[in-house]
Amino acid sequence: MTLLVILIIIACVALGFFVLIQEAKGGGLASNFAGSNQIMGVRKTTNFLEKVTWGLAIAILVLCLGCAFITKKEFNEKYGSAAAQETEQTTEAPAEE
């Protein structure tokens, strides 16, 4: 559980970094290399940043869902049927006077 939370935090920080180095309409990191010839061209840099951004967003989604399922499982193991009974008792109709 703690490992998942740490991975979520790391992925969130990395996602923030990759979003900040991008700029709308082709600016950002890609515009810094527009005038020079290099192995990764401007278009490839933009594609790479976009793919990393989407990958991190999907990773955060999957990690959060995994964390939710693990938390639910741990809650059910810890409290078991006591929580279910409390829920049933609170949903009963009030007694008429």
Protein backbone atom coordinates (compact mmCIF):
# COMPACT_ATOMS: atom_id res chain seq x y z
CA MET A 1 0.00 0.00 0.00
CA THR A 2 2.75 2.45 0.97
CA LEU A 3 4.68 1.53 -2.16
CA LEU A 4 1.66 2.39 -4.33
CA VAL A 5 1.25 5.77 -2.64
CA ILE A 6 4.94 6.56 -3.17
CA LEU A 7 4.68 5.53 -6.83
CA ILE A 8 1.61 7.76 -7.26
CA ILE A 9 3.46 10.74 -5.77
CA ILE A 10 6.50 10.14 -8.00
CA ALA A 11 4.29 9.80 -11.08
CA CYS A 12 2.43 13.02 -10.17
CA VAL A 13 5.66 14.99 -9.79
CA ALA A 14 6.99 13.58 -13.08
CA LEU A 15 3.70 14.38 -14.83
CA GLY A 16 3.85 17.94 -13.55
CA PHE A 17 7.42 18.26 -14.83
CA PHE A 18 6.55 16.98 -18.31
CA VAL A 19 3.48 19.18 -18.55
CA LEU A 20 5.48 22.25 -17.52
CA ILE A 21 8.21 21.71 -20.12
CA GLN A 22 5.58 21.57 -22.84
CA GLU A 23 3.99 24.68 -24.20
CA ALA A 24 0.78 25.00 -26.12
CA LYS A 25 1.00 25.02 -29.92
CA GLY A 26 4.45 23.51 -30.29
CA GLY A 27 6.51 25.66 -27.95
CA GLY A 28 8.28 24.53 -24.80
CA LEU A 29 11.22 22.17 -25.03
CA ALA A 30 10.61 21.52 -28.70
CA SER A 31 11.03 25.21 -29.62
CA ASN A 32 14.48 25.38 -27.99
CA PHE A 33 15.84 22.93 -30.56
CA ALA A 34 14.04 24.33 -33.60
CA GLY A 35 17.13 25.93 -35.11
CA SER A 36 19.62 23.13 -34.61
CA ASN A 37 20.06 19.77 -36.24
CA GLN A 38 20.06 16.96 -33.75
CA ILE A 39 19.26 13.28 -33.59
CA MET A 40 15.78 13.83 -32.17
CA GLY A 41 14.02 16.42 -34.29
CA VAL A 42 11.49 18.95 -33.07
CA ARG A 43 8.56 16.81 -34.08
CA LYS A 44 9.99 13.72 -32.37
CA THR A 45 10.60 15.68 -29.16
CA THR A 46 6.98 16.81 -29.14
CA ASN A 47 5.74 13.27 -29.80
CA PHE A 48 7.98 11.89 -27.05
CA LEU A 49 6.75 14.45 -24.50
CA GLU A 50 3.13 13.79 -25.42
CA LYS A 51 3.57 10.01 -25.14
CA VAL A 52 5.28 10.34 -21.75
CA THR A 53 2.52 12.65 -20.52
CA TRP A 54 -0.21 10.23 -21.55
CA GLY A 55 1.73 7.28 -20.15
CA LEU A 56 2.15 8.96 -16.77
CA ALA A 57 -1.52 9.94 -16.67
CA ILE A 58 -2.56 6.35 -17.37
CA ALA A 59 -0.06 5.06 -14.80
CA ILE A 60 -1.53 7.38 -12.15
CA LEU A 61 -5.04 6.17 -13.00
CA VAL A 62 -4.04 2.51 -12.74
CA LEU A 63 -2.10 3.06 -9.50
CA CYS A 64 -5.03 4.93 -7.92
CA LEU A 65 -7.46 2.18 -8.90
CA GLY A 66 -5.11 -0.45 -7.50
CA CYS A 67 -4.76 1.53 -4.28
CA ALA A 68 -8.55 1.80 -3.99
CA PHE A 69 -9.06 -1.96 -4.43
CA ILE A 70 -6.33 -2.78 -1.92
CA THR A 71 -7.77 -0.32 0.60
CA LYS A 72 -11.25 -1.80 0.16
CA LYS A 73 -9.90 -5.32 0.66
CA GLU A 74 -7.96 -4.30 3.79
CA PHE A 75 -11.04 -2.52 5.17
CA ASN A 76 -13.23 -5.57 4.63
CA GLU A 77 -10.65 -7.84 6.27
CA LYS A 78 -10.30 -5.54 9.26
CA TYR A 79 -13.93 -4.66 9.91
CA GLY A 80 -15.66 -7.50 8.11
CA SER A 81 -19.39 -7.87 8.65
CA ALA A 82 -19.56 -5.28 11.45
CA ALA A 83 -19.44 -2.46 8.91
CA ALA A 84 -22.08 -4.18 6.79
CA GLN A 85 -24.40 -4.53 9.78
CA GLU A 86 -24.00 -0.86 10.68
CA THR A 87 -24.87 0.10 7.11
CA GLU A 88 -27.98 -2.06 7.18
CA GLN A 89 -29.08 -0.59 10.50
CA THR A 90 -28.75 2.99 9.32
CA THR A 91 -30.80 2.38 6.20
CA GLU A 92 -33.84 1.04 8.05
CA ALA A 93 -36.97 3.17 8.02
CA PRO A 94 -37.61 5.15 11.22
CA ALA A 95 -40.31 3.84 13.57
CA GLU A 96 -43.68 5.59 13.31
CA GLU A 97 -45.12 7.28 16.37
